[in-house]
């Protein structure tokens, strides 16, 4: 059964250029992961600095494998450090 992962980030305007580079790196590695189906990024209209990524995976196991993958953890650590806060995740089926 497919799962959707909702990934929420608050992004200060000053961090956008550097964050764009990190997100491109993360996406390029994600595309090669077993079970990855698709992803889309949305910008919240009423809160300029908030964005939501909706990522679709073949199974929760595929997502968990990616979530704990060392490459993802390294890039995500750089993202969280840049933003000064932890990224929020929620899984839905």
Foldseek 3Di string as FASTA:
>chain_A
DKKKKKKKDFADPVLVVVVVVLVVVLVVVLVPFPFWDDKDKAADDVRRRMIIMITMGNDVVSVVCVVPDPVNVVSQVVVCVSRVHHMDMDMDD
